[in-house]
């Protein structure tokens, strides 16, 4: 019994050590390599290179609005997988509503340099926001942040640092540990995680009109976690019946696009 217990203890220690050393490879799942030219995917879109405060170069697409312009720009913070080209359908749906869109890849994703981390992604979002304000003369209060899944943590943090007009969080979690605990129930993830993404705490501090969009059938981020984020933010909730985490209806469907449009329209209404 002692030998077995000792062996099992060693296995647990090795598992924990492996998760500590390789955790970011489990969290961040980038598509790495060349990304198509923006205009070949979205006619009229433009390729942009963003530079962060620490000198990281980020690939991005600026997608101008089509039809009557709302004079509102949507800054999209991606989830943890793929690259910006996978968000082309979302950008197309938003531009069709008269919204300008900035898509960008985090460090280590697509053709962006560097390696991803929580602090790195925060710096990337700041660079994207700075680009809109300084290079494109977008008024901060005419910017809406759209964060999907992991990107909800990125946008929530940005909303505590800079003024914005509103925020849509699609499938957010309360913090990264709450998700990791479901995947690794025997591992002390709250002790091991280097990156935290405390979304619920951040939205409670951000004084920003917020809408949470969730899928009632989400098997990756339980709807209860997203609702807890909404409670912390005092946010409106849009629930999509039966929708799972990676379903197209959550990626670029009317629930997400409509939530952005309603916030954009609210920017033009007088306060009170």
C-alpha atoms as a PDB file:
ATOM      1  CA  UNK A   1       0.000   0.000   0.000  1.00  0.00           C
ATOM      2  CA  UNK A   2       2.819   2.415   0.825  1.00  0.00           C
ATOM      3  CA  UNK A   3       4.549   1.714  -2.488  1.00  0.00           C
ATOM      4  CA  UNK A   4       1.310   2.215  -4.412  1.00  0.00           C
ATOM      5  CA  UNK A   5       0.503   5.412  -2.552  1.00  0.00           C
ATOM      6  CA  UNK A   6       4.000   6.708  -3.151  1.00  0.00           C
ATOM      7  CA  UNK A   7       3.781   5.885  -6.835  1.00  0.00           C
ATOM      8  CA  UNK A   8       0.417   7.572  -7.166  1.00  0.00           C
ATOM      9  CA  UNK A   9       1.794  10.606  -5.354  1.00  0.00           C
ATOM     10  CA  UNK A  10       4.677  10.778  -7.807  1.00  0.00           C
ATOM     11  CA  UNK A  11       2.278  10.523 -10.736  1.00  0.00           C
ATOM     12  CA  UNK A  12       0.201  13.384  -9.356  1.00  0.00           C
ATOM     13  CA  UNK A  13       3.310  15.491  -8.815  1.00  0.00           C
ATOM     14  CA  UNK A  14       4.502  14.802 -12.353  1.00  0.00           C
ATOM     15  CA  UNK A  15       1.070  15.625 -13.741  1.00  0.00           C
ATOM     16  CA  UNK A  16       0.971  18.893 -11.840  1.00  0.00           C
ATOM     17  CA  UNK A  17       4.514  19.756 -12.934  1.00  0.00           C
ATOM     18  CA  UNK A  18       3.612  19.017 -16.548  1.00  0.00           C
ATOM     19  CA  UNK A  19       0.539  21.187 -16.381  1.00  0.00           C
ATOM     20  CA  UNK A  20       2.542  24.022 -14.796  1.00  0.00           C
ATOM     21  CA  UNK A  21       5.252  23.898 -17.451  1.00  0.00           C
ATOM     22  CA  UNK A  22       2.960  23.388 -20.410  1.00  0.00           C
ATOM     23  CA  UNK A  23      -0.167  25.218 -19.306  1.00  0.00           C
ATOM     24  CA  UNK A  24      -0.008  27.978 -21.886  1.00  0.00           C
ATOM     25  CA  UNK A  25       0.057  25.393 -24.667  1.00  0.00           C
ATOM     26  CA  UNK A  26      -3.248  24.138 -23.265  1.00  0.00           C
ATOM     27  CA  UNK A  27      -4.769  27.615 -22.938  1.00  0.00           C
ATOM     28  CA  UNK A  28      -3.663  29.244 -26.193  1.00  0.00           C
ATOM     29  CA  UNK A  29      -4.344  27.377 -29.430  1.00  0.00           C
ATOM     30  CA  UNK A  30      -3.158  29.647 -32.223  1.00  0.00           C
ATOM     31  CA  UNK A  31      -3.201  29.075 -35.941  1.00  0.00           C
ATOM     32  CA  UNK A  32       0.343  30.134 -36.782  1.00  0.00           C
ATOM     33  CA  UNK A  33       1.534  31.371 -40.146  1.00  0.00           C
ATOM     34  CA  UNK A  34       0.564  33.640 -43.025  1.00  0.00           C
ATOM     35  CA  UNK A  35      -2.924  35.128 -42.997  1.00  0.00           C
ATOM     36  CA  UNK A  36      -4.663  36.026 -46.287  1.00  0.00           C
ATOM     37  CA  UNK A  37      -4.632  39.647 -47.373  1.00  0.00           C
ATOM     38  CA  UNK A  38      -7.656  41.387 -45.883  1.00  0.00           C
ATOM     39  CA  UNK A  39      -9.124  42.509 -49.215  1.00  0.00           C
ATOM     40  CA  UNK A  40      -9.095  38.953 -50.594  1.00  0.00           C
ATOM     41  CA  UNK A  41     -11.436  37.862 -47.821  1.00  0.00           C
ATOM     42  CA  UNK A  42     -13.440  41.042 -47.188  1.00  0.00           C
ATOM     43  CA  UNK A  43     -13.474  43.427 -50.165  1.00  0.00           C
ATOM     44  CA  UNK A  44     -12.395  46.898 -49.117  1.00  0.00           C
ATOM     45  CA  UNK A  45     -10.742  45.705 -45.915  1.00  0.00           C
ATOM     46  CA  UNK A  46      -7.176  46.818 -45.209  1.00  0.00           C
ATOM     47  CA  UNK A  47      -4.165  45.100 -43.735  1.00  0.00           C
ATOM     48  CA  UNK A  48      -2.736  46.804 -40.651  1.00  0.00           C
ATOM     49  CA  UNK A  49       0.284  46.154 -38.462  1.00  0.00           C
ATOM     50  CA  UNK A  50      -0.051  47.173 -34.825  1.00  0.00           C
ATOM     51  CA  UNK A  51       2.943  47.708 -32.551  1.00  0.00           C
ATOM     52  CA  UNK A  52       2.623  47.127 -28.839  1.00  0.00           C
ATOM     53  CA  UNK A  53       4.418  48.982 -26.070  1.00  0.00           C
ATOM     54  CA  UNK A  54       6.905  46.104 -25.773  1.00  0.00           C
ATOM     55  CA  UNK A  55       7.677  46.103 -29.495  1.00  0.00           C
ATOM     56  CA  UNK A  56       5.543  43.150 -30.583  1.00  0.00           C
ATOM     57  CA  UNK A  57       4.151  43.385 -34.121  1.00  0.00           C
ATOM     58  CA  UNK A  58       0.525  42.304 -34.495  1.00  0.00           C
ATOM     59  CA  UNK A  59      -1.285  41.499 -37.718  1.00  0.00           C
ATOM     60  CA  UNK A  60      -4.706  43.133 -38.046  1.00  0.00           C
ATOM     61  CA  UNK A  61      -7.501  43.929 -40.498  1.00  0.00           C
ATOM     62  CA  UNK A  62      -9.467  47.146 -40.550  1.00  0.00           C
ATOM     63  CA  UNK A  63     -12.879  46.482 -42.088  1.00  0.00           C
ATOM     64  CA  UNK A  64     -14.813  49.630 -43.037  1.00  0.00           C
ATOM     65  CA  UNK A  65     -18.593  49.794 -42.746  1.00  0.00           C
ATOM     66  CA  UNK A  66     -20.904  49.237 -45.675  1.00  0.00           C
ATOM     67  CA  UNK A  67     -24.055  51.257 -46.331  1.00  0.00           C
ATOM     68  CA  UNK A  68     -25.131  54.004 -43.926  1.00  0.00           C
ATOM     69  CA  UNK A  69     -22.349  54.374 -41.344  1.00  0.00           C
ATOM     70  CA  UNK A  70     -23.132  54.485 -37.642  1.00  0.00           C
ATOM     71  CA  UNK A  71     -19.784  56.175 -36.845  1.00  0.00           C
ATOM     72  CA  UNK A  72     -19.083  53.388 -34.351  1.00  0.00           C
ATOM     73  CA  UNK A  73     -16.089  51.030 -34.424  1.00  0.00           C
ATOM     74  CA  UNK A  74     -16.098  47.502 -33.025  1.00  0.00           C
ATOM     75  CA  UNK A  75     -12.839  46.202 -31.564  1.00  0.00           C
ATOM     76  CA  UNK A  76     -12.940  42.388 -31.584  1.00  0.00           C
ATOM     77  CA  UNK A  77     -10.912  40.333 -29.090  1.00  0.00           C
ATOM     78  CA  UNK A  78     -10.766  36.746 -30.294  1.00  0.00           C
ATOM     79  CA  UNK A  79     -11.162  33.545 -28.345  1.00  0.00           C
ATOM     80  CA  UNK A  80      -8.197  31.286 -27.682  1.00  0.00           C
ATOM     81  CA  UNK A  81      -8.003  29.504 -31.044  1.00  0.00           C
ATOM     82  CA  UNK A  82      -7.361  30.197 -34.715  1.00  0.00           C
ATOM     83  CA  UNK A  83      -6.490  33.558 -36.211  1.00  0.00           C
ATOM     84  CA  UNK A  84      -8.317  36.682 -37.360  1.00  0.00           C
ATOM     85  CA  UNK A  85      -9.376  35.195 -40.688  1.00  0.00           C
ATOM     86  CA  UNK A  86     -11.805  32.915 -38.822  1.00  0.00           C
ATOM     87  CA  UNK A  87     -13.631  36.062 -37.629  1.00  0.00           C
ATOM     88  CA  UNK A  88     -14.283  37.280 -41.182  1.00  0.00           C
ATOM     89  CA  UNK A  89     -17.977  36.230 -41.071  1.00  0.00           C
ATOM     90  CA  UNK A  90     -18.396  38.246 -37.858  1.00  0.00           C
ATOM     91  CA  UNK A  91     -16.741  41.296 -39.421  1.00  0.00           C
ATOM     92  CA  UNK A  92     -18.907  40.928 -42.527  1.00  0.00           C
ATOM     93  CA  UNK A  93     -22.087  40.816 -40.446  1.00  0.00           C
ATOM     94  CA  UNK A  94     -21.054  43.848 -38.389  1.00  0.00           C
ATOM     95  CA  UNK A  95     -19.970  45.950 -41.386  1.00  0.00           C
ATOM     96  CA  UNK A  96     -23.318  45.231 -43.033  1.00  0.00           C
ATOM     97  CA  UNK A  97     -24.888  47.036 -40.057  1.00  0.00           C
ATOM     98  CA  UNK A  98     -22.831  50.169 -40.759  1.00  0.00           C
ATOM     99  CA  UNK A  99     -20.106  49.414 -38.214  1.00  0.00           C
ATOM    100  CA  UNK A 100     -16.365  49.695 -38.733  1.00  0.00           C
ATOM    101  CA  UNK A 101     -14.469  46.686 -37.376  1.00  0.00           C
ATOM    102  CA  UNK A 102     -10.901  46.065 -36.253  1.00  0.00           C
ATOM    103  CA  UNK A 103      -9.802  42.420 -36.140  1.00  0.00           C
ATOM    104  CA  UNK A 104      -6.357  41.666 -34.745  1.00  0.00           C
ATOM    105  CA  UNK A 105      -4.320  38.644 -33.813  1.00  0.00           C
ATOM    106  CA  UNK A 106      -2.796  38.314 -30.384  1.00  0.00           C
ATOM    107  CA  UNK A 107       0.950  37.802 -30.115  1.00  0.00           C
ATOM    108  CA  UNK A 108       1.876  34.334 -31.316  1.00  0.00           C
ATOM    109  CA  UNK A 109      -1.272  34.014 -33.421  1.00  0.00           C
ATOM    110  CA  UNK A 110      -1.418  34.179 -37.215  1.00  0.00           C
ATOM    111  CA  UNK A 111       1.410  36.392 -38.443  1.00  0.00           C
ATOM    112  CA  UNK A 112       1.866  38.237 -35.135  1.00  0.00           C
ATOM    113  CA  UNK A 113       5.223  37.922 -33.376  1.00  0.00           C
ATOM    114  CA  UNK A 114       5.789  36.905 -29.769  1.00  0.00           C
ATOM    115  CA  UNK A 115       4.194  34.329 -27.466  1.00  0.00           C
ATOM    116  CA  UNK A 116       0.791  34.629 -25.769  1.00  0.00           C
ATOM    117  CA  UNK A 117       0.239  35.283 -22.082  1.00  0.00           C
ATOM    118  CA  UNK A 118      -2.379  37.147 -20.056  1.00  0.00           C
ATOM    119  CA  UNK A 119      -0.195  40.235 -19.733  1.00  0.00           C
ATOM    120  CA  UNK A 120       0.793  40.015 -23.381  1.00  0.00           C
ATOM    121  CA  UNK A 121      -2.811  39.881 -24.571  1.00  0.00           C
ATOM    122  CA  UNK A 122      -3.630  42.886 -22.402  1.00  0.00           C
ATOM    123  CA  UNK A 123      -0.810  44.811 -24.089  1.00  0.00           C
ATOM    124  CA  UNK A 124      -2.097  43.695 -27.501  1.00  0.00           C
ATOM    125  CA  UNK A 125      -5.587  45.017 -26.786  1.00  0.00           C
ATOM    126  CA  UNK A 126      -4.150  48.344 -25.641  1.00  0.00           C
ATOM    127  CA  UNK A 127      -2.240  48.610 -28.915  1.00  0.00           C
ATOM    128  CA  UNK A 128      -5.395  47.907 -30.916  1.00  0.00           C
ATOM    129  CA  UNK A 129      -7.360  50.536 -28.998  1.00  0.00           C
ATOM    130  CA  UNK A 130      -4.502  53.022 -29.339  1.00  0.00           C
ATOM    131  CA  UNK A 131      -4.432  52.439 -33.098  1.00  0.00           C
ATOM    132  CA  UNK A 132      -8.110  53.315 -33.389  1.00  0.00           C
ATOM    133  CA  UNK A 133      -7.790  56.455 -31.293  1.00  0.00           C
ATOM    134  CA  UNK A 134      -4.516  57.826 -32.674  1.00  0.00           C
ATOM    135  CA  UNK A 135      -4.333  56.504 -36.252  1.00  0.00           C
ATOM    136  CA  UNK A 136      -8.014  56.467 -37.176  1.00  0.00           C
ATOM    137  CA  UNK A 137      -9.279  59.299 -34.970  1.00  0.00           C
ATOM    138  CA  UNK A 138     -12.003  57.123 -33.456  1.00  0.00           C
ATOM    139  CA  UNK A 139     -13.544  58.726 -30.385  1.00  0.00           C
ATOM    140  CA  UNK A 140     -13.148  56.331 -27.435  1.00  0.00           C
ATOM    141  CA  UNK A 141     -16.831  56.691 -26.566  1.00  0.00           C
ATOM    142  CA  UNK A 142     -17.689  55.561 -30.122  1.00  0.00           C
ATOM    143  CA  UNK A 143     -15.880  52.247 -29.619  1.00  0.00           C
ATOM    144  CA  UNK A 144     -17.585  48.988 -28.668  1.00  0.00           C
ATOM    145  CA  UNK A 145     -15.512  46.077 -27.393  1.00  0.00           C
ATOM    146  CA  UNK A 146     -16.554  42.584 -28.453  1.00  0.00           C
ATOM    147  CA  UNK A 147     -14.798  39.774 -26.597  1.00  0.00           C
ATOM    148  CA  UNK A 148     -15.467  36.135 -27.323  1.00  0.00           C
ATOM    149  CA  UNK A 149     -14.755  33.497 -24.666  1.00  0.00           C
ATOM    150  CA  UNK A 150     -11.128  34.082 -23.578  1.00  0.00           C
ATOM    151  CA  UNK A 151     -11.363  37.451 -25.335  1.00  0.00           C
ATOM    152  CA  UNK A 152     -13.980  38.480 -22.778  1.00  0.00           C
ATOM    153  CA  UNK A 153     -11.179  38.612 -20.237  1.00  0.00           C
ATOM    154  CA  UNK A 154      -9.103  40.733 -22.590  1.00  0.00           C
ATOM    155  CA  UNK A 155     -11.902  43.220 -23.275  1.00  0.00           C
ATOM    156  CA  UNK A 156     -13.019  43.365 -19.645  1.00  0.00           C
ATOM    157  CA  UNK A 157      -9.519  44.350 -18.583  1.00  0.00           C
ATOM    158  CA  UNK A 158      -9.256  46.943 -21.361  1.00  0.00           C
ATOM    159  CA  UNK A 159     -12.584  48.457 -20.262  1.00  0.00           C
ATOM    160  CA  UNK A 160     -11.086  49.115 -16.814  1.00  0.00           C
ATOM    161  CA  UNK A 161      -8.166  51.001 -18.389  1.00  0.00           C
ATOM    162  CA  UNK A 162      -9.584  53.126 -21.211  1.00  0.00           C
ATOM    163  CA  UNK A 163     -12.933  54.809 -21.950  1.00  0.00           C
ATOM    164  CA  UNK A 164     -15.215  52.905 -24.326  1.00  0.00           C
ATOM    165  CA  UNK A 165     -18.834  53.186 -25.364  1.00  0.00           C
ATOM    166  CA  UNK A 166     -19.931  49.654 -24.547  1.00  0.00           C
ATOM    167  CA  UNK A 167     -18.953  46.017 -24.315  1.00  0.00           C
ATOM    168  CA  UNK A 168     -20.385  42.713 -25.576  1.00  0.00           C
ATOM    169  CA  UNK A 169     -19.043  39.557 -23.924  1.00  0.00           C
ATOM    170  CA  UNK A 170     -19.798  36.358 -25.802  1.00  0.00           C
ATOM    171  CA  UNK A 171     -19.611  33.167 -23.698  1.00  0.00           C
ATOM    172  CA  UNK A 172     -17.562  34.691 -20.869  1.00  0.00           C
ATOM    173  CA  UNK A 173     -16.334  32.788 -17.814  1.00  0.00           C
ATOM    174  CA  UNK A 174     -15.941  34.134 -14.278  1.00  0.00           C
ATOM    175  CA  UNK A 175     -12.235  33.345 -14.268  1.00  0.00           C
ATOM    176  CA  UNK A 176     -10.000  30.904 -16.090  1.00  0.00           C
ATOM    177  CA  UNK A 177      -9.674  28.629 -13.073  1.00  0.00           C
ATOM    178  CA  UNK A 178     -13.421  27.994 -13.075  1.00  0.00           C
ATOM    179  CA  UNK A 179     -13.082  26.499 -16.558  1.00  0.00           C
ATOM    180  CA  UNK A 180      -9.869  24.602 -15.797  1.00  0.00           C
ATOM    181  CA  UNK A 181     -11.388  23.015 -12.696  1.00  0.00           C
ATOM    182  CA  UNK A 182     -14.006  21.334 -14.871  1.00  0.00           C
ATOM    183  CA  UNK A 183     -11.333  19.911 -17.192  1.00  0.00           C
ATOM    184  CA  UNK A 184      -8.855  18.877 -14.482  1.00  0.00           C
ATOM    185  CA  UNK A 185     -10.918  18.217 -11.344  1.00  0.00           C
ATOM    186  CA  UNK A 186      -8.079  16.504  -9.423  1.00  0.00           C
ATOM    187  CA  UNK A 187      -5.503  19.220 -10.129  1.00  0.00           C
ATOM    188  CA  UNK A 188      -5.117  22.301  -7.853  1.00  0.00           C
ATOM    189  CA  UNK A 189      -5.516  24.642 -10.821  1.00  0.00           C
ATOM    190  CA  UNK A 190      -6.005  27.766  -8.700  1.00  0.00           C
ATOM    191  CA  UNK A 191      -2.526  27.237  -7.312  1.00  0.00           C
ATOM    192  CA  UNK A 192      -0.920  26.339 -10.627  1.00  0.00           C
ATOM    193  CA  UNK A 193      -2.398  28.801 -13.108  1.00  0.00           C
ATOM    194  CA  UNK A 194      -0.076  31.586 -14.189  1.00  0.00           C
ATOM    195  CA  UNK A 195      -2.773  33.349 -16.238  1.00  0.00           C
ATOM    196  CA  UNK A 196      -5.988  34.167 -14.384  1.00  0.00           C
ATOM    197  CA  UNK A 197      -8.340  36.280 -16.514  1.00  0.00           C
ATOM    198  CA  UNK A 198     -10.599  37.308 -13.578  1.00  0.00           C
ATOM    199  CA  UNK A 199     -13.494  38.392 -15.785  1.00  0.00           C
ATOM    200  CA  UNK A 200     -16.165  38.742 -13.104  1.00  0.00           C
ATOM    201  CA  UNK A 201     -13.926  40.928 -10.943  1.00  0.00           C
ATOM    202  CA  UNK A 202     -12.984  43.090 -13.913  1.00  0.00           C
ATOM    203  CA  UNK A 203     -16.516  43.710 -15.170  1.00  0.00           C
ATOM    204  CA  UNK A 204     -17.570  44.692 -11.664  1.00  0.00           C
ATOM    205  CA  UNK A 205     -14.973  47.482 -11.814  1.00  0.00           C
ATOM    206  CA  UNK A 206     -15.702  48.602 -15.373  1.00  0.00           C
ATOM    207  CA  UNK A 207     -18.428  51.223 -15.540  1.00  0.00           C
ATOM    208  CA  UNK A 208     -19.443  50.316 -19.091  1.00  0.00           C
ATOM    209  CA  UNK A 209     -22.817  49.353 -20.630  1.00  0.00           C
ATOM    210  CA  UNK A 210     -22.461  45.610 -21.121  1.00  0.00           C
ATOM    211  CA  UNK A 211     -24.351  42.765 -22.764  1.00  0.00           C
ATOM    212  CA  UNK A 212     -23.563  39.092 -22.213  1.00  0.00           C
ATOM    213  CA  UNK A 213     -24.432  36.644 -24.999  1.00  0.00           C
ATOM    214  CA  UNK A 214     -24.409  32.967 -24.088  1.00  0.00           C
ATOM    215  CA  UNK A 215     -25.373  29.621 -25.547  1.00  0.00           C
ATOM    216  CA  UNK A 216     -27.794  27.576 -23.495  1.00  0.00           C
ATOM    217  CA  UNK A 217     -26.128  24.411 -24.839  1.00  0.00           C
ATOM    218  CA  UNK A 218     -22.533  25.536 -24.290  1.00  0.00           C
ATOM    219  CA  UNK A 219     -20.480  22.511 -23.245  1.00  0.00           C
ATOM    220  CA  UNK A 220     -17.201  24.424 -22.815  1.00  0.00           C
ATOM    221  CA  UNK A 221     -18.275  27.503 -20.866  1.00  0.00           C
ATOM    222  CA  UNK A 222     -21.323  26.567 -18.775  1.00  0.00           C
ATOM    223  CA  UNK A 223     -24.143  29.115 -19.090  1.00  0.00           C
ATOM    224  CA  UNK A 224     -24.061  29.536 -15.314  1.00  0.00           C
ATOM    225  CA  UNK A 225     -20.556  31.017 -15.526  1.00  0.00           C
ATOM    226  CA  UNK A 226     -21.640  33.493 -18.193  1.00  0.00           C
ATOM    227  CA  UNK A 227     -24.689  34.473 -16.151  1.00  0.00           C
ATOM    228  CA  UNK A 228     -22.470  35.057 -13.126  1.00  0.00           C
ATOM    229  CA  UNK A 229     -20.391  37.464 -15.218  1.00  0.00           C
ATOM    230  CA  UNK A 230     -23.575  39.249 -16.268  1.00  0.00           C
ATOM    231  CA  UNK A 231     -24.636  39.542 -12.627  1.00  0.00           C
ATOM    232  CA  UNK A 232     -21.258  41.015 -11.687  1.00  0.00           C
ATOM    233  CA  UNK A 233     -21.522  43.579 -14.489  1.00  0.00           C
ATOM    234  CA  UNK A 234     -25.221  44.351 -14.092  1.00  0.00           C
ATOM    235  CA  UNK A 235     -25.391  43.393 -17.758  1.00  0.00           C
ATOM    236  CA  UNK A 236     -28.208  42.489 -20.100  1.00  0.00           C
ATOM    237  CA  UNK A 237     -28.271  38.799 -21.041  1.00  0.00           C
ATOM    238  CA  UNK A 238     -29.040  37.355 -24.466  1.00  0.00           C
ATOM    239  CA  UNK A 239     -29.377  33.558 -24.314  1.00  0.00           C
ATOM    240  CA  UNK A 240     -29.367  31.496 -27.508  1.00  0.00           C
ATOM    241  CA  UNK A 241     -31.371  28.273 -27.001  1.00  0.00           C
ATOM    242  CA  UNK A 242     -29.425  25.100 -27.725  1.00  0.00           C
ATOM    243  CA  UNK A 243     -26.308  26.905 -28.984  1.00  0.00           C
ATOM    244  CA  UNK A 244     -22.947  25.285 -28.244  1.00  0.00           C
ATOM    245  CA  UNK A 245     -19.713  27.190 -27.763  1.00  0.00           C
ATOM    246  CA  UNK A 246     -18.363  27.015 -31.310  1.00  0.00           C
ATOM    247  CA  UNK A 247     -21.647  27.132 -33.199  1.00  0.00           C
ATOM    248  CA  UNK A 248     -21.794  29.712 -35.975  1.00  0.00           C
ATOM    249  CA  UNK A 249     -24.917  31.233 -34.428  1.00  0.00           C
ATOM    250  CA  UNK A 250     -22.787  32.295 -31.468  1.00  0.00           C
ATOM    251  CA  UNK A 251     -19.835  33.280 -33.618  1.00  0.00           C
ATOM    252  CA  UNK A 252     -21.597  35.712 -35.931  1.00  0.00           C
ATOM    253  CA  UNK A 253     -25.319  35.162 -35.597  1.00  0.00           C
ATOM    254  CA  UNK A 254     -28.083  37.691 -34.945  1.00  0.00           C
ATOM    255  CA  UNK A 255     -27.806  37.464 -31.148  1.00  0.00           C
ATOM    256  CA  UNK A 256     -24.209  38.715 -31.144  1.00  0.00           C
ATOM    257  CA  UNK A 257     -24.610  41.208 -33.980  1.00  0.00           C
ATOM    258  CA  UNK A 258     -27.887  42.489 -32.554  1.00  0.00           C
ATOM    259  CA  UNK A 259     -26.309  43.037 -29.137  1.00  0.00           C
ATOM    260  CA  UNK A 260     -23.588  45.187 -30.720  1.00  0.00           C
ATOM    261  CA  UNK A 261     -26.103  47.149 -32.797  1.00  0.00           C
ATOM    262  CA  UNK A 262     -28.267  47.919 -29.760  1.00  0.00           C
ATOM    263  CA  UNK A 263     -25.268  49.265 -27.861  1.00  0.00           C
ATOM    264  CA  UNK A 264     -24.252  51.315 -30.902  1.00  0.00           C
ATOM    265  CA  UNK A 265     -27.746  52.787 -31.181  1.00  0.00           C
ATOM    266  CA  UNK A 266     -27.729  53.616 -27.466  1.00  0.00           C
ATOM    267  CA  UNK A 267     -24.649  55.788 -27.967  1.00  0.00           C
ATOM    268  CA  UNK A 268     -26.780  58.205 -29.968  1.00  0.00           C
ATOM    269  CA  UNK A 269     -29.538  58.462 -27.390  1.00  0.00           C
ATOM    270  CA  UNK A 270     -29.373  61.251 -24.810  1.00  0.00           C
ATOM    271  CA  UNK A 271     -28.516  60.114 -21.290  1.00  0.00           C
ATOM    272  CA  UNK A 272     -31.299  59.833 -18.753  1.00  0.00           C
END
